[in-house]
Amino acid sequence: MSCAVYRLPAGSKDMQAPHLEDEVYMVLEGKARVRVDTQEQDVGPGTILFIQATTKHSFFDITDDLTLLAMFGPTT
C-alpha cells in the first residue's frame, strides 16, 4: 500500500488517468465534484471515495483548493 497527498488548485483540471491499483481518497480540504465512470457527486472535507482499479475518474468544478489523501493498494 502507498499514500500520497494530491492537490488541485481551484479552477484547475484533473488530468489523471485510471490506475492499476484500487484507490481510496479522503478529502482533507476544498470543494469540487467527482466523476466516477458516469456517476457524479459533490465532495468536500471528510468525503471518502473508493475507486476500483482501472475505473475512469476525475475531479472537476474545483471551487476551493482541493487537498486529498490518496491511498493505493493492490487489487484482491
N, C-alpha and C. Protein backbone atom coordinates (compact mmCIF):
# COMPACT_ATOMS: atom_id res chain seq x y z
N MET A 1 0.85 -1.18 0.00
CA MET A 1 0.00 0.00 0.00
C MET A 1 0.89 1.24 0.00
N SER A 2 0.44 2.27 -0.68
CA SER A 2 1.17 3.53 -0.70
C SER A 2 0.19 4.68 -0.53
N CYS A 3 0.71 5.83 -0.11
CA CYS A 3 -0.12 7.03 0.12
C CYS A 3 0.56 8.23 -0.50
N ALA A 4 -0.27 9.22 -0.84
CA ALA A 4 0.24 10.47 -1.38
C ALA A 4 -0.76 11.58 -1.06
N VAL A 5 -0.28 12.80 -1.00
CA VAL A 5 -1.15 13.96 -0.89
C VAL A 5 -1.29 14.51 -2.30
N TYR A 6 -2.53 14.70 -2.72
CA TYR A 6 -2.84 15.17 -4.08
C TYR A 6 -3.52 16.52 -3.94
N ARG A 7 -2.95 17.54 -4.59
CA ARG A 7 -3.51 18.90 -4.50
C ARG A 7 -3.91 19.38 -5.89
N LEU A 8 -5.11 19.97 -5.94
CA LEU A 8 -5.61 20.58 -7.17
C LEU A 8 -6.10 21.98 -6.84
N PRO A 9 -5.48 23.02 -7.41
CA PRO A 9 -5.92 24.39 -7.14
C PRO A 9 -7.32 24.65 -7.70
N ALA A 10 -8.03 25.58 -7.09
CA ALA A 10 -9.35 25.99 -7.59
C ALA A 10 -9.24 26.34 -9.06
N GLY A 11 -10.20 25.86 -9.85
CA GLY A 11 -10.24 26.16 -11.27
C GLY A 11 -9.37 25.26 -12.14
N SER A 12 -8.58 24.39 -11.53
CA SER A 12 -7.68 23.55 -12.33
C SER A 12 -8.43 22.35 -12.92
N LYS A 13 -7.74 21.66 -13.81
CA LYS A 13 -8.30 20.48 -14.45
C LYS A 13 -7.52 19.25 -13.99
N ASP A 14 -8.22 18.24 -13.53
CA ASP A 14 -7.61 16.99 -13.08
C ASP A 14 -7.31 16.14 -14.32
N MET A 15 -6.04 15.85 -14.56
CA MET A 15 -5.62 15.16 -15.78
C MET A 15 -5.26 13.69 -15.55
N GLN A 16 -5.61 13.13 -14.40
CA GLN A 16 -5.19 11.77 -14.13
C GLN A 16 -5.92 10.74 -14.99
N ALA A 17 -5.26 9.62 -15.20
CA ALA A 17 -5.82 8.50 -15.94
C ALA A 17 -6.13 7.38 -14.94
N PRO A 18 -6.94 6.42 -15.33
CA PRO A 18 -7.22 5.29 -14.43
C PRO A 18 -5.92 4.61 -13.99
N HIS A 19 -5.94 4.11 -12.76
CA HIS A 19 -4.77 3.46 -12.18
C HIS A 19 -4.96 1.94 -12.16
N LEU A 20 -3.86 1.23 -12.02
CA LEU A 20 -3.91 -0.22 -11.98
C LEU A 20 -4.14 -0.78 -10.58
N GLU A 21 -4.22 0.11 -9.59
CA GLU A 21 -4.46 -0.30 -8.21
C GLU A 21 -5.78 0.31 -7.72
N ASP A 22 -6.41 -0.36 -6.75
CA ASP A 22 -7.57 0.24 -6.08
C ASP A 22 -7.10 1.50 -5.36
N GLU A 23 -8.01 2.48 -5.24
CA GLU A 23 -7.66 3.74 -4.58
C GLU A 23 -8.73 4.12 -3.56
N VAL A 24 -8.29 4.75 -2.50
CA VAL A 24 -9.20 5.40 -1.56
C VAL A 24 -8.73 6.85 -1.45
N TYR A 25 -9.66 7.78 -1.63
CA TYR A 25 -9.38 9.20 -1.47
C TYR A 25 -10.12 9.69 -0.24
N MET A 26 -9.46 10.51 0.56
CA MET A 26 -10.12 11.24 1.64
C MET A 26 -9.89 12.71 1.38
N VAL A 27 -10.99 13.47 1.27
CA VAL A 27 -10.88 14.91 1.03
C VAL A 27 -10.52 15.59 2.35
N LEU A 28 -9.38 16.26 2.37
CA LEU A 28 -8.93 16.97 3.57
C LEU A 28 -9.41 18.42 3.57
N GLU A 29 -9.36 19.06 2.40
CA GLU A 29 -9.77 20.46 2.26
C GLU A 29 -10.34 20.67 0.87
N GLY A 30 -11.18 21.68 0.74
CA GLY A 30 -11.65 22.11 -0.56
C GLY A 30 -13.01 21.58 -0.93
N LYS A 31 -13.48 22.05 -2.09
CA LYS A 31 -14.78 21.64 -2.62
C LYS A 31 -14.66 21.42 -4.12
N ALA A 32 -15.33 20.37 -4.60
CA ALA A 32 -15.30 20.05 -6.02
C ALA A 32 -16.41 19.05 -6.31
N ARG A 33 -16.40 18.56 -7.53
CA ARG A 33 -17.25 17.43 -7.92
C ARG A 33 -16.32 16.34 -8.43
N VAL A 34 -16.77 15.10 -8.33
CA VAL A 34 -16.00 13.98 -8.85
C VAL A 34 -16.89 13.17 -9.78
N ARG A 35 -16.29 12.70 -10.85
CA ARG A 35 -16.97 11.82 -11.79
C ARG A 35 -16.27 10.47 -11.75
N VAL A 36 -17.04 9.42 -11.44
CA VAL A 36 -16.52 8.05 -11.43
C VAL A 36 -17.36 7.28 -12.44
N ASP A 37 -16.73 6.88 -13.54
CA ASP A 37 -17.45 6.35 -14.70
C ASP A 37 -18.47 7.40 -15.12
N THR A 38 -19.76 7.14 -14.99
CA THR A 38 -20.79 8.11 -15.38
C THR A 38 -21.48 8.74 -14.18
N GLN A 39 -21.10 8.36 -12.96
CA GLN A 39 -21.71 8.91 -11.75
C GLN A 39 -20.96 10.17 -11.31
N GLU A 40 -21.70 11.19 -10.85
CA GLU A 40 -21.09 12.43 -10.35
C GLU A 40 -21.61 12.73 -8.96
N GLN A 41 -20.76 13.36 -8.14
CA GLN A 41 -21.19 13.79 -6.80
C GLN A 41 -20.31 14.93 -6.31
N ASP A 42 -20.86 15.72 -5.38
CA ASP A 42 -20.10 16.77 -4.71
C ASP A 42 -19.18 16.13 -3.69
N VAL A 43 -17.99 16.73 -3.50
CA VAL A 43 -17.07 16.28 -2.46
C VAL A 43 -16.58 17.49 -1.67
N GLY A 44 -16.28 17.25 -0.40
CA GLY A 44 -15.76 18.28 0.49
C GLY A 44 -15.05 17.60 1.64
N PRO A 45 -14.56 18.38 2.60
CA PRO A 45 -13.82 17.81 3.72
C PRO A 45 -14.59 16.66 4.38
N GLY A 46 -13.87 15.55 4.56
CA GLY A 46 -14.47 14.37 5.20
C GLY A 46 -15.01 13.35 4.21
N THR A 47 -15.17 13.72 2.94
CA THR A 47 -15.65 12.76 1.95
C THR A 47 -14.60 11.68 1.74
N ILE A 48 -15.04 10.42 1.72
CA ILE A 48 -14.16 9.29 1.44
C ILE A 48 -14.70 8.58 0.20
N LEU A 49 -13.81 8.31 -0.75
CA LEU A 49 -14.19 7.68 -2.01
C LEU A 49 -13.36 6.43 -2.24
N PHE A 50 -13.99 5.35 -2.67
CA PHE A 50 -13.28 4.15 -3.11
C PHE A 50 -13.39 4.08 -4.62
N ILE A 51 -12.26 3.95 -5.30
CA ILE A 51 -12.22 3.85 -6.75
C ILE A 51 -11.56 2.52 -7.10
N GLN A 52 -12.30 1.66 -7.75
CA GLN A 52 -11.77 0.35 -8.13
C GLN A 52 -10.72 0.52 -9.24
N ALA A 53 -9.71 -0.32 -9.23
CA ALA A 53 -8.65 -0.28 -10.24
C ALA A 53 -9.23 -0.21 -11.65
N THR A 54 -8.60 0.56 -12.49
CA THR A 54 -8.90 0.79 -13.91
C THR A 54 -10.20 1.55 -14.16
N THR A 55 -10.82 2.08 -13.11
CA THR A 55 -12.05 2.85 -13.27
C THR A 55 -11.70 4.29 -13.63
N LYS A 56 -12.34 4.81 -14.68
CA LYS A 56 -12.13 6.20 -15.10
C LYS A 56 -12.73 7.12 -14.04
N HIS A 57 -11.95 8.13 -13.62
CA HIS A 57 -12.42 9.08 -12.61
C HIS A 57 -11.64 10.39 -12.71
N SER A 58 -12.30 11.48 -12.29
CA SER A 58 -11.62 12.78 -12.27
C SER A 58 -12.40 13.76 -11.41
N PHE A 59 -11.67 14.72 -10.86
CA PHE A 59 -12.27 15.80 -10.09
C PHE A 59 -12.46 16.99 -11.02
N PHE A 60 -13.56 17.71 -10.86
CA PHE A 60 -13.85 18.86 -11.72
C PHE A 60 -14.65 19.88 -10.93
N ASP A 61 -14.96 21.01 -11.55
CA ASP A 61 -15.64 22.12 -10.86
C ASP A 61 -15.02 22.36 -9.48
N ILE A 62 -13.70 22.50 -9.47
CA ILE A 62 -12.97 22.70 -8.22
C ILE A 62 -13.12 24.17 -7.83
N THR A 63 -13.96 24.43 -6.82
CA THR A 63 -14.27 25.80 -6.43
C THR A 63 -13.36 26.31 -5.32
N ASP A 64 -12.84 25.41 -4.48
CA ASP A 64 -11.89 25.75 -3.42
C ASP A 64 -10.72 24.79 -3.57
N ASP A 65 -9.48 25.28 -3.37
CA ASP A 65 -8.30 24.43 -3.49
C ASP A 65 -8.57 23.07 -2.83
N LEU A 66 -8.32 22.00 -3.58
CA LEU A 66 -8.65 20.65 -3.13
C LEU A 66 -7.39 19.93 -2.67
N THR A 67 -7.41 19.40 -1.46
CA THR A 67 -6.33 18.59 -0.92
C THR A 67 -6.90 17.23 -0.55
N LEU A 68 -6.30 16.19 -1.12
CA LEU A 68 -6.79 14.83 -0.91
C LEU A 68 -5.66 13.95 -0.40
N LEU A 69 -6.00 13.02 0.48
CA LEU A 69 -5.09 11.94 0.84
C LEU A 69 -5.48 10.78 -0.07
N ALA A 70 -4.53 10.33 -0.89
CA ALA A 70 -4.78 9.24 -1.83
C ALA A 70 -4.02 8.01 -1.35
N MET A 71 -4.75 6.90 -1.21
CA MET A 71 -4.15 5.65 -0.77
C MET A 71 -4.34 4.61 -1.88
N PHE A 72 -3.27 3.95 -2.25
CA PHE A 72 -3.28 2.98 -3.34
C PHE A 72 -2.93 1.61 -2.78
N GLY A 73 -3.64 0.60 -3.24
CA GLY A 73 -3.36 -0.76 -2.80
C GLY A 73 -3.58 -1.75 -3.92
N PRO A 74 -2.91 -2.88 -3.85
CA PRO A 74 -3.10 -3.88 -4.88
C PRO A 74 -4.53 -4.42 -4.88
N THR A 75 -5.00 -4.79 -6.05
CA THR A 75 -6.34 -5.36 -6.14
C THR A 75 -6.32 -6.75 -5.52
N THR A 76 -7.49 -7.19 -5.08
CA THR A 76 -7.55 -8.51 -4.43
C THR A 76 -8.16 -9.54 -5.33
